[in-house]
Amino acid sequence: MPTWPIAAKISVALVCAVLIPMIFTVCYNLQQSLNSVEAGEYRKLELLASSGASRFDQLIIDRHRVVAQVSSDRHVIDFLAADTSQKRESYRPNLQQTLQKVFRSHPDVDAVLLMDKKGQCVAATDPKFIGKNYSTIQDNFYGFSSLVSGTIKSPGMFFSGPVRSPDGEIVGTTLLNVRGEDIWTTINALHIGFQSNIFLIDQQGVIISHSDPSLENHILTPPSIQTLKPIVDDEDYGVEQIESLDIADLKVMVRARQPGHATYQLLRSQPQIVGFAPLATQPWVLGVSQPKAEFTAPLNRLIWLNSSSVVIVGGITAIIALLLGLNISRPIRALTVAAQALEDDDFDSHVLELRQSLAQLSHTQDDVGQLVRIFLEMAEEVRRRDQKLKMQVQELRIEIDESKRATQVAEITENEHFQELQKKIQKLKQHEVIPGETETEYYQRLQNQVELLKERSLPP
């Protein structure tokens, strides 16, 4: 990084200054949002389960009211309180009208039965039930049944209630059987997705209703010795053996008192999220499950949106940081080039180009503009001083040359040999011309004398 251009350094610094705090903030907010959305999804499943449990409670209460209404009907009481078969038969027409009216008023009712104190069916909307014994049905009993004393073959839910004479004596029992398919339709109407499932477990953890019929009459976890015998002895399940699904994660559902949620995986299927809620009228628990992938879809969408926003904001920030870094580094680069030219004594050849590149920057009123103006003034002053110094150096050179020549002349003229030679020359000038000597001979004689003087003047 020390060798990076200043624009890169500024860009990286700006991007880090923006993105690092933003990433920490986004991660924190994302985690909080994920926790909130996850809690909301769990809460939604719990609310759906609570809504289904409330609807099922309402169905039980409504059908119990029907049982109570039938049990308190005058014709039903008279029929069951009759002490002779003749009186009972005399009340039968009115009784059958009452039972048929109840049957027609509630389409989900499969059968209405009246039993005497011994549990013997003495009247019913369907004659095939008459004469059968249902003594195992107790007062105010609710339950699911696929087989009631070997007679009712279709799975369903039955309700019973006592019939009392005017003096309060129990004279019989009313039994109301509701078709299972109508109950399951009510429960399964809560589907929240294509792959969601609604199921109901009883107090033993046995699945008594499920969107997948193959899982009905299966227990969630392996039963203990204490719970195994009641399950085996109970004929209401209509099967010879209760198999375990071995889902330990759903043990929290059995006899749950408050709504909750859990994660589980059934055999090799994909993981599931379940929200559950207990019924108010029975020790049963209703669960609403959906695949974990579908459950986490809002969480993944939230992660994708936050990640996309970080990438987009990061990209925009990087572009802005790069442009800002280039804008800041541009005058610095120009100043660097000018300073290098000034250092290389090449400022004069680039002065016009440098002034044009720095002219726009010098007009700004910020620190960069002020720096450029000061640099240009400094460069101009340096240039003037450099030119002045060059002129002074040139003048000094001329003076030095003249002084040097004067010194050399003085050394020559002041030399002893030079002075002797000068004296001899003066003597030569005094020699007269010999009569009869030609001009050529005269110059030849002078030349010989000069040569002789040279030889004498030379150092040994």
Protein backbone atom coordinates (compact mmCIF):
# COMPACT_ATOMS: atom_id res chain seq x y z
CA MET A 1 0.00 0.00 0.00
CA PRO A 2 2.90 2.51 0.53
CA THR A 3 3.53 2.42 -3.25
CA TRP A 4 -0.10 2.94 -4.19
CA PRO A 5 -1.15 6.17 -5.88
CA ILE A 6 -2.70 8.72 -3.58
CA ALA A 7 -6.02 8.39 -5.43
CA ALA A 8 -6.12 4.67 -4.59
CA LYS A 9 -5.21 5.34 -0.97
CA ILE A 10 -7.90 8.00 -0.62
CA SER A 11 -10.48 5.78 -2.34
CA VAL A 12 -9.69 2.79 -0.12
CA ALA A 13 -9.75 4.97 2.98
CA LEU A 14 -13.12 6.49 2.07
CA VAL A 15 -14.63 3.12 1.15
CA CYS A 16 -13.42 1.56 4.40
CA ALA A 17 -14.62 4.56 6.41
CA VAL A 18 -18.09 4.14 4.93
CA LEU A 19 -18.45 0.40 4.43
CA ILE A 20 -16.94 -0.98 7.65
CA PRO A 21 -19.36 0.88 9.98
CA MET A 22 -22.20 0.21 7.56
CA ILE A 23 -21.43 -3.52 7.41
CA PHE A 24 -21.33 -3.77 11.20
CA THR A 25 -24.60 -1.84 11.41
CA VAL A 26 -26.24 -3.94 8.70
CA CYS A 27 -25.07 -7.19 10.34
CA TYR A 28 -26.43 -6.10 13.70
CA ASN A 29 -29.74 -4.90 12.23
CA LEU A 30 -29.95 -8.01 10.07
CA GLN A 31 -29.45 -10.28 13.08
CA GLN A 32 -32.10 -8.39 15.01
CA SER A 33 -34.45 -8.51 12.02
CA LEU A 34 -33.83 -12.23 11.52
CA ASN A 35 -34.58 -12.88 15.16
CA SER A 36 -37.72 -10.76 14.92
CA VAL A 37 -38.90 -12.39 11.68
CA GLU A 38 -38.11 -15.86 13.02
CA ALA A 39 -40.01 -15.13 16.22
CA GLY A 40 -42.84 -13.75 14.09
CA GLU A 41 -42.95 -16.92 11.99
CA TYR A 42 -43.00 -19.08 15.10
CA ARG A 43 -45.68 -16.85 16.55
CA LYS A 44 -47.71 -17.16 13.35
CA LEU A 45 -47.63 -20.96 13.53
CA GLU A 46 -48.58 -20.83 17.21
CA LEU A 47 -51.47 -18.48 16.44
CA LEU A 48 -52.65 -20.75 13.64
CA ALA A 49 -52.48 -23.72 15.97
CA SER A 50 -54.33 -21.76 18.67
CA SER A 51 -56.95 -20.73 16.13
CA GLY A 52 -57.41 -24.36 15.05
CA ALA A 53 -57.59 -25.52 18.67
CA SER A 54 -60.20 -22.84 19.43
CA ARG A 55 -62.29 -23.90 16.45
CA PHE A 56 -62.03 -27.51 17.53
CA ASP A 57 -62.97 -26.55 21.09
CA GLN A 58 -65.96 -24.69 19.73
CA LEU A 59 -66.98 -27.74 17.70
CA ILE A 60 -66.80 -29.92 20.84
CA ILE A 61 -68.77 -27.39 22.89
CA ASP A 62 -71.42 -27.04 20.19
CA ARG A 63 -71.86 -30.78 19.86
CA HIS A 64 -71.99 -31.15 23.62
CA ARG A 65 -74.77 -28.59 23.64
CA VAL A 66 -76.58 -30.68 21.05
CA VAL A 67 -76.19 -33.69 23.36
CA ALA A 68 -77.45 -31.64 26.30
CA GLN A 69 -80.35 -30.37 24.21
CA VAL A 70 -81.33 -33.91 23.18
CA SER A 71 -80.87 -35.19 26.75
CA SER A 72 -83.20 -32.51 28.12
CA ASP A 73 -85.86 -32.94 25.46
CA ARG A 74 -89.24 -33.90 26.96
CA HIS A 75 -89.85 -36.72 24.48
CA VAL A 76 -86.41 -38.23 25.18
CA ILE A 77 -86.96 -38.09 28.96
CA ASP A 78 -90.46 -39.57 28.69
CA PHE A 79 -89.20 -42.33 26.42
CA LEU A 80 -86.29 -43.39 28.64
CA ALA A 81 -88.24 -42.89 31.90
CA ALA A 82 -91.13 -45.15 30.76
CA ASP A 83 -91.33 -48.15 33.06
CA THR A 84 -93.06 -50.42 30.54
CA SER A 85 -92.38 -51.30 26.96
CA GLN A 86 -95.93 -50.26 26.00
CA LYS A 87 -95.41 -46.70 27.27
CA ARG A 88 -92.01 -46.53 25.62
CA GLU A 89 -93.43 -47.56 22.27
CA SER A 90 -96.16 -44.95 22.61
CA TYR A 91 -93.49 -42.26 22.94
CA ARG A 92 -91.35 -43.57 20.08
CA PRO A 93 -93.00 -41.62 17.17
CA ASN A 94 -92.40 -38.28 18.89
CA LEU A 95 -88.92 -39.40 19.92
CA GLN A 96 -87.97 -40.39 16.36
CA GLN A 97 -89.13 -37.01 15.09
CA THR A 98 -86.88 -35.33 17.66
CA LEU A 99 -83.88 -37.46 16.74
CA GLN A 100 -84.44 -36.97 13.00
CA LYS A 101 -84.74 -33.22 13.50
CA VAL A 102 -81.37 -33.17 15.24
CA PHE A 103 -79.88 -35.39 12.56
CA ARG A 104 -81.10 -33.15 9.73
CA SER A 105 -80.08 -29.95 11.51
CA HIS A 106 -76.45 -31.03 11.80
CA PRO A 107 -75.06 -32.48 8.57
CA ASP A 108 -71.86 -33.64 10.26
CA VAL A 109 -73.76 -35.89 12.67
CA ASP A 110 -73.48 -39.52 11.65
CA ALA A 111 -75.87 -40.99 14.22
CA VAL A 112 -77.87 -40.13 17.36
CA LEU A 113 -78.39 -42.97 19.84
CA LEU A 114 -80.32 -43.34 23.09
CA MET A 115 -79.27 -45.95 25.65
CA ASP A 116 -80.94 -47.11 28.79
CA LYS A 117 -79.23 -47.34 32.17
CA LYS A 118 -77.63 -50.66 31.21
CA GLY A 119 -76.03 -49.22 28.06
CA GLN A 120 -78.49 -50.96 25.72
CA CYS A 121 -79.35 -48.92 22.60
CA VAL A 122 -83.14 -48.51 22.59
CA ALA A 123 -83.50 -45.79 19.92
CA ALA A 124 -81.36 -44.39 17.10
CA THR A 125 -81.56 -42.48 13.86
CA ASP A 126 -80.28 -45.65 12.18
CA PRO A 127 -82.13 -48.86 13.23
CA LYS A 128 -78.95 -50.97 12.91
CA PHE A 129 -77.69 -49.57 16.25
CA ILE A 130 -80.79 -50.65 18.20
CA GLY A 131 -80.19 -53.58 20.51
CA LYS A 132 -76.40 -53.08 20.74
CA ASN A 133 -74.77 -52.51 24.12
CA TYR A 134 -72.61 -49.40 24.70
CA SER A 135 -72.10 -49.69 28.41
CA THR A 136 -68.45 -48.57 28.03
CA ILE A 137 -69.64 -45.04 27.21
CA GLN A 138 -69.48 -43.02 30.41
CA ASP A 139 -71.17 -39.84 31.45
CA ASN A 140 -69.94 -36.70 29.61
CA PHE A 141 -67.41 -38.68 27.63
CA TYR A 142 -65.77 -37.30 24.53
CA GLY A 143 -63.61 -39.40 22.30
CA PHE A 144 -62.52 -40.46 18.85
CA SER A 145 -63.67 -43.80 17.66
CA SER A 146 -63.18 -45.95 14.62
CA LEU A 147 -65.12 -48.79 16.21
CA VAL A 148 -67.71 -48.47 18.97
CA SER A 149 -68.54 -51.93 20.27
CA GLY A 150 -67.96 -53.37 16.81
CA THR A 151 -70.85 -51.43 15.28
CA ILE A 152 -69.74 -47.99 14.04
CA LYS A 153 -67.30 -48.67 11.26
CA SER A 154 -66.54 -45.12 10.08
CA PRO A 155 -63.95 -43.12 12.07
CA GLY A 156 -65.45 -40.23 13.95
CA MET A 157 -65.90 -38.49 17.25
CA PHE A 158 -68.66 -39.28 19.69
CA PHE A 159 -70.18 -37.38 22.63
CA SER A 160 -72.35 -38.67 25.41
CA GLY A 161 -74.44 -37.12 28.12
CA PRO A 162 -76.82 -38.40 30.82
CA VAL A 163 -80.57 -38.20 30.55
CA ARG A 164 -82.24 -37.41 33.89
CA SER A 165 -85.84 -37.80 34.96
CA PRO A 166 -87.69 -34.83 36.51
CA ASP A 167 -86.60 -35.98 39.96
CA GLY A 168 -82.91 -36.07 38.91
CA GLU A 169 -82.51 -39.80 38.43
CA ILE A 170 -80.33 -40.93 35.51
CA VAL A 171 -82.58 -42.92 33.19
CA GLY A 172 -80.24 -43.26 30.21
CA THR A 173 -77.57 -41.78 28.01
CA THR A 174 -77.54 -39.80 24.77
CA LEU A 175 -74.78 -40.64 22.30
CA LEU A 176 -73.93 -38.37 19.37
CA ASN A 177 -71.47 -39.55 16.74
CA VAL A 178 -69.88 -36.95 14.39
CA ARG A 179 -68.39 -38.07 11.09
CA GLY A 180 -64.61 -37.92 11.06
CA GLU A 181 -64.33 -36.49 7.53
CA ASP A 182 -66.33 -33.42 8.55
CA ILE A 183 -64.10 -32.88 11.58
CA TRP A 184 -60.94 -33.25 9.48
CA THR A 185 -62.35 -30.82 6.92
CA THR A 186 -62.74 -28.25 9.68
CA ILE A 187 -59.20 -28.84 10.91
CA ASN A 188 -57.53 -29.05 7.52
CA ALA A 189 -59.13 -25.78 6.43
CA LEU A 190 -56.28 -24.13 8.35
CA HIS A 191 -53.70 -25.06 5.69
CA ILE A 192 -51.26 -22.20 5.29
CA GLY A 193 -49.29 -23.60 2.39
CA PHE A 194 -49.12 -26.34 -0.18
CA GLN A 195 -46.84 -28.48 2.01
CA SER A 196 -48.30 -27.61 5.42
CA ASN A 197 -49.83 -30.26 7.66
CA ILE A 198 -52.40 -30.14 10.45
CA PHE A 199 -52.47 -32.92 13.03
CA LEU A 200 -54.02 -33.66 16.41
CA ILE A 201 -52.58 -35.79 19.20
CA ASP A 202 -54.27 -37.07 22.33
CA GLN A 203 -53.00 -37.14 25.89
CA GLN A 204 -50.93 -40.27 25.16
CA GLY A 205 -49.15 -38.67 22.20
CA VAL A 206 -51.08 -40.75 19.65
CA ILE A 207 -51.89 -39.00 16.37
CA ILE A 208 -55.68 -39.16 16.08
CA SER A 209 -55.88 -36.89 13.04
CA HIS A 210 -53.33 -35.98 10.37
CA SER A 211 -53.36 -34.52 6.87
CA ASP A 212 -51.49 -37.68 5.88
CA PRO A 213 -53.83 -40.57 6.85
CA SER A 214 -50.91 -43.02 6.89
CA LEU A 215 -49.60 -41.35 10.06
CA GLU A 216 -52.83 -41.68 12.02
CA ASN A 217 -52.83 -43.97 15.06
CA HIS A 218 -49.06 -43.62 15.43
CA ILE A 219 -47.50 -42.46 18.67
CA LEU A 220 -44.92 -39.66 18.48
CA THR A 221 -42.40 -41.19 20.89
CA PRO A 222 -41.91 -44.73 22.17
CA PRO A 223 -44.33 -45.14 25.11
CA SER A 224 -43.14 -45.93 28.59
CA ILE A 225 -44.35 -49.00 30.52
CA GLN A 226 -46.83 -46.82 32.44
CA THR A 227 -48.46 -45.48 29.27
CA LEU A 228 -48.18 -48.62 27.15
CA LYS A 229 -50.95 -50.60 28.90
CA PRO A 230 -53.67 -47.91 28.61
CA ILE A 231 -52.85 -47.50 24.93
CA VAL A 232 -53.02 -51.26 24.28
CA ASP A 233 -56.23 -51.67 26.26
CA ASP A 234 -57.94 -48.69 24.62
CA GLU A 235 -60.17 -49.91 21.78
CA ASP A 236 -61.04 -46.43 20.57
CA TYR A 237 -58.04 -46.34 18.23
CA GLY A 238 -59.47 -49.21 16.20
CA VAL A 239 -56.09 -50.82 15.55
CA GLU A 240 -54.37 -53.82 17.05
CA GLN A 241 -50.97 -52.16 17.47
CA ILE A 242 -49.80 -48.55 17.92
CA GLU A 243 -46.51 -47.95 16.13
CA SER A 244 -44.03 -45.28 17.20
CA LEU A 245 -42.68 -42.56 14.90
CA ASP A 246 -39.79 -42.03 17.34
CA ILE A 247 -39.78 -38.22 17.05
CA ALA A 248 -38.20 -37.17 20.35
CA ASP A 249 -38.35 -33.48 19.39
CA LEU A 250 -42.16 -33.58 19.54
CA LYS A 251 -42.30 -34.91 23.07
CA VAL A 252 -42.83 -31.32 24.19
CA MET A 253 -46.25 -31.43 22.52
CA VAL A 254 -47.65 -34.23 24.66
CA ARG A 255 -49.95 -32.77 27.34
CA ALA A 256 -48.68 -29.27 26.54
CA ARG A 257 -50.38 -26.56 28.57
CA GLN A 258 -49.22 -23.54 26.57
CA PRO A 259 -48.73 -22.81 22.85
CA GLY A 260 -45.22 -23.43 21.60
CA HIS A 261 -43.11 -24.51 18.65
CA ALA A 262 -40.54 -27.16 17.81
CA THR A 263 -38.37 -28.43 14.96
CA TYR A 264 -38.43 -32.06 13.89
CA GLN A 265 -37.70 -34.36 11.00
CA LEU A 266 -39.90 -37.30 10.09
CA LEU A 267 -38.00 -40.26 8.73
CA ARG A 268 -36.18 -39.12 5.57
CA SER A 269 -38.38 -36.15 4.86
CA GLN A 270 -37.14 -32.58 5.02
CA PRO A 271 -36.99 -30.81 8.40
CA GLN A 272 -40.28 -29.40 9.64
CA ILE A 273 -41.27 -26.51 11.90
CA VAL A 274 -44.39 -27.05 14.01
CA GLY A 275 -46.46 -24.65 16.06
CA PHE A 276 -48.82 -26.25 18.56
CA ALA A 277 -51.53 -25.26 21.01
CA PRO A 278 -53.55 -27.28 23.55
CA LEU A 279 -57.32 -27.64 23.44
CA ALA A 280 -59.31 -26.18 26.32
CA THR A 281 -61.95 -28.91 26.41
CA GLN A 282 -59.69 -31.95 26.07
CA PRO A 283 -56.10 -32.91 26.95
CA TRP A 284 -55.29 -32.92 23.24
CA VAL A 285 -52.85 -30.76 21.30
CA LEU A 286 -53.24 -29.46 17.76
CA GLY A 287 -50.13 -28.88 15.64
CA VAL A 288 -49.56 -26.91 12.44
CA SER A 289 -46.34 -27.84 10.63
CA GLN A 290 -44.62 -26.62 7.49
CA PRO A 291 -41.25 -27.38 5.84
CA LYS A 292 -38.32 -25.53 7.34
CA ALA A 293 -37.36 -24.33 3.86
CA GLU A 294 -40.74 -22.65 3.52
CA PHE A 295 -40.41 -21.32 7.05
CA THR A 296 -36.98 -19.82 6.36
CA ALA A 297 -38.02 -18.31 3.00
CA PRO A 298 -38.79 -14.89 4.58
CA LEU A 299 -35.46 -15.05 6.44
CA ASN A 300 -33.54 -15.82 3.25
CA ARG A 301 -35.39 -13.06 1.44
CA LEU A 302 -34.44 -10.63 4.22
CA ILE A 303 -30.79 -11.72 4.02
CA TRP A 304 -30.82 -11.29 0.24
CA LEU A 305 -32.33 -7.81 0.46
CA ASN A 306 -29.80 -6.68 3.07
CA SER A 307 -26.88 -8.18 1.16
CA SER A 308 -28.07 -6.53 -2.06
CA SER A 309 -28.36 -3.17 -0.34
CA VAL A 310 -24.80 -3.51 1.03
CA VAL A 311 -23.46 -4.40 -2.42
CA ILE A 312 -25.33 -1.55 -4.13
CA VAL A 313 -24.39 1.03 -1.50
CA GLY A 314 -20.83 -0.29 -1.46
CA GLY A 315 -20.57 0.02 -5.25
CA ILE A 316 -21.96 3.55 -5.25
CA THR A 317 -19.65 4.47 -2.36
CA ALA A 318 -16.64 3.02 -4.18
CA ILE A 319 -17.43 5.02 -7.34
CA ILE A 320 -17.92 8.23 -5.37
CA ALA A 321 -14.73 7.56 -3.38
CA LEU A 322 -12.77 6.92 -6.58
CA LEU A 323 -14.03 10.11 -8.22
CA LEU A 324 -13.35 12.08 -5.06
CA GLY A 325 -9.88 10.57 -4.75
CA LEU A 326 -9.10 11.43 -8.38
CA ASN A 327 -10.41 14.96 -7.85
CA ILE A 328 -8.23 15.39 -4.78
CA SER A 329 -5.14 13.79 -6.33
CA ARG A 330 -5.35 15.68 -9.66
CA PRO A 331 -3.93 18.98 -8.32
CA ILE A 332 -1.38 17.05 -6.28
CA ARG A 333 -0.19 15.26 -9.40
CA ALA A 334 -0.03 18.55 -11.28
CA LEU A 335 1.96 20.12 -8.45
CA THR A 336 4.24 17.09 -8.40
CA VAL A 337 4.97 17.44 -12.15
CA ALA A 338 5.60 21.17 -11.75
CA ALA A 339 7.89 20.62 -8.77
CA GLN A 340 9.81 17.94 -10.71
CA ALA A 341 10.20 20.31 -13.67
CA LEU A 342 11.37 23.01 -11.32
CA GLU A 343 13.87 20.63 -9.76
CA ASP A 344 15.15 19.52 -13.19
CA ASP A 345 15.53 23.17 -14.25
CA ASP A 346 13.02 22.50 -16.99
CA PHE A 347 10.31 24.79 -15.66
CA ASP A 348 10.69 27.38 -18.40
CA SER A 349 9.97 24.90 -21.20
CA HIS A 350 6.82 23.64 -19.40
CA VAL A 351 5.72 26.90 -17.83
CA LEU A 352 2.87 27.48 -20.29
CA GLU A 353 1.57 23.90 -20.04
CA LEU A 354 1.87 23.88 -16.26
CA ARG A 355 0.12 27.21 -15.91
CA GLN A 356 -2.75 25.98 -18.08
CA SER A 357 -3.14 22.78 -16.03
CA LEU A 358 -2.96 24.69 -12.74
CA ALA A 359 -4.91 27.76 -13.81
CA GLN A 360 -8.33 26.22 -13.15
CA LEU A 361 -7.21 24.89 -9.78
CA SER A 362 -5.85 28.26 -8.68
CA HIS A 363 -9.26 29.93 -9.07
CA THR A 364 -10.86 27.88 -6.29
CA GLN A 365 -11.04 29.35 -2.82
CA ASP A 366 -10.32 26.16 -0.94
CA ASP A 367 -7.04 24.92 0.47
CA VAL A 368 -6.03 23.31 -2.81
CA GLY A 369 -6.55 26.56 -4.74
CA GLN A 370 -4.53 28.47 -2.18
CA LEU A 371 -1.76 25.87 -2.35
CA VAL A 372 -1.64 26.09 -6.15
CA ARG A 373 -1.46 29.90 -6.07
CA ILE A 374 1.33 29.87 -3.51
CA PHE A 375 3.21 27.26 -5.52
CA LEU A 376 2.92 29.27 -8.74
CA GLU A 377 4.16 32.42 -6.98
CA MET A 378 6.99 30.44 -5.44
CA ALA A 379 7.88 28.86 -8.78
CA GLU A 380 7.92 32.27 -10.48
CA GLU A 381 10.13 33.70 -7.74
CA VAL A 382 12.46 30.70 -7.98
CA ARG A 383 12.59 31.11 -11.75
CA ARG A 384 13.49 34.81 -11.46
CA ARG A 385 16.13 34.09 -8.87
CA ASP A 386 17.55 31.33 -11.03
CA GLN A 387 17.80 33.66 -14.04
CA LYS A 388 19.40 36.39 -11.93
CA LEU A 389 21.84 33.87 -10.50
CA LYS A 390 22.76 32.72 -14.00
CA MET A 391 23.45 36.31 -15.07
CA GLN A 392 25.58 36.87 -11.98
CA VAL A 393 27.50 33.68 -12.66
CA GLN A 394 28.12 34.79 -16.29
CA GLU A 395 29.38 38.19 -15.16
CA LEU A 396 31.57 36.52 -12.56
CA ARG A 397 33.04 34.28 -15.22
CA ILE A 398 33.97 37.28 -17.39
CA GLU A 399 35.61 39.01 -14.45
CA ILE A 400 37.48 35.85 -13.56
CA ASP A 401 38.72 35.47 -17.16
CA GLU A 402 39.95 39.08 -17.34
CA SER A 403 41.65 38.76 -13.96
CA LYS A 404 43.26 35.53 -15.05
CA ARG A 405 44.58 37.05 -18.25
CA ALA A 406 45.98 40.06 -16.35
CA THR A 407 47.67 37.71 -13.91
CA GLN A 408 49.20 35.68 -16.74
CA VAL A 409 50.47 38.84 -18.49
CA ALA A 410 51.92 40.08 -15.22
CA GLU A 411 53.65 36.77 -14.68
CA ILE A 412 55.14 36.94 -18.16
CA THR A 413 56.24 40.57 -18.00
CA GLU A 414 57.65 40.26 -14.57
CA ASN A 415 59.70 37.23 -15.50
CA GLU A 416 63.54 37.79 -15.33
CA HIS A 417 64.20 36.09 -18.64
CA PHE A 418 61.50 38.14 -20.29
CA GLN A 419 63.09 41.33 -18.98
CA GLU A 420 66.60 40.28 -20.14
CA LEU A 421 65.17 39.39 -23.50
CA GLN A 422 63.52 42.77 -23.68
CA LYS A 423 66.86 44.48 -22.87
CA LYS A 424 68.67 42.49 -25.55
CA ILE A 425 65.97 43.44 -28.02
CA GLN A 426 66.58 47.04 -27.16
CA LYS A 427 70.31 46.54 -27.79
CA LEU A 428 69.54 44.98 -31.12
CA LYS A 429 67.46 47.94 -32.01
CA GLN A 430 70.51 50.12 -31.28
CA HIS A 431 72.80 48.17 -33.68
CA GLU A 432 73.50 50.12 -36.75
CA VAL A 433 73.46 48.74 -40.20
CA ILE A 434 76.96 47.75 -41.46
CA PRO A 435 77.88 49.61 -44.58
CA GLY A 436 77.71 47.57 -47.69
CA GLU A 437 75.41 45.07 -45.97
CA THR A 438 72.37 44.23 -47.94
CA GLU A 439 68.90 44.19 -46.39
CA THR A 440 68.76 40.43 -46.62
CA GLU A 441 72.05 40.02 -44.85
CA TYR A 442 70.91 42.49 -42.23
CA TYR A 443 67.76 40.52 -41.44
CA GLN A 444 69.71 37.27 -41.49
CA ARG A 445 72.15 38.66 -38.95
CA LEU A 446 69.30 39.82 -36.70
CA GLN A 447 67.70 36.44 -36.93
CA ASN A 448 70.87 34.71 -35.89
CA GLN A 449 71.23 36.97 -32.94
CA VAL A 450 67.61 36.35 -31.87
CA GLU A 451 68.10 32.63 -32.09
CA LEU A 452 71.22 32.98 -30.02
CA LEU A 453 69.33 34.98 -27.42
CA LYS A 454 66.59 32.36 -27.30
CA GLU A 455 69.09 29.63 -26.66
CA ARG A 456 70.65 31.64 -23.84
CA SER A 457 67.28 32.51 -22.32
CA LEU A 458 66.16 28.91 -22.13
CA PRO A 459 66.73 27.30 -18.77
CA PRO A 460 69.43 24.64 -18.67
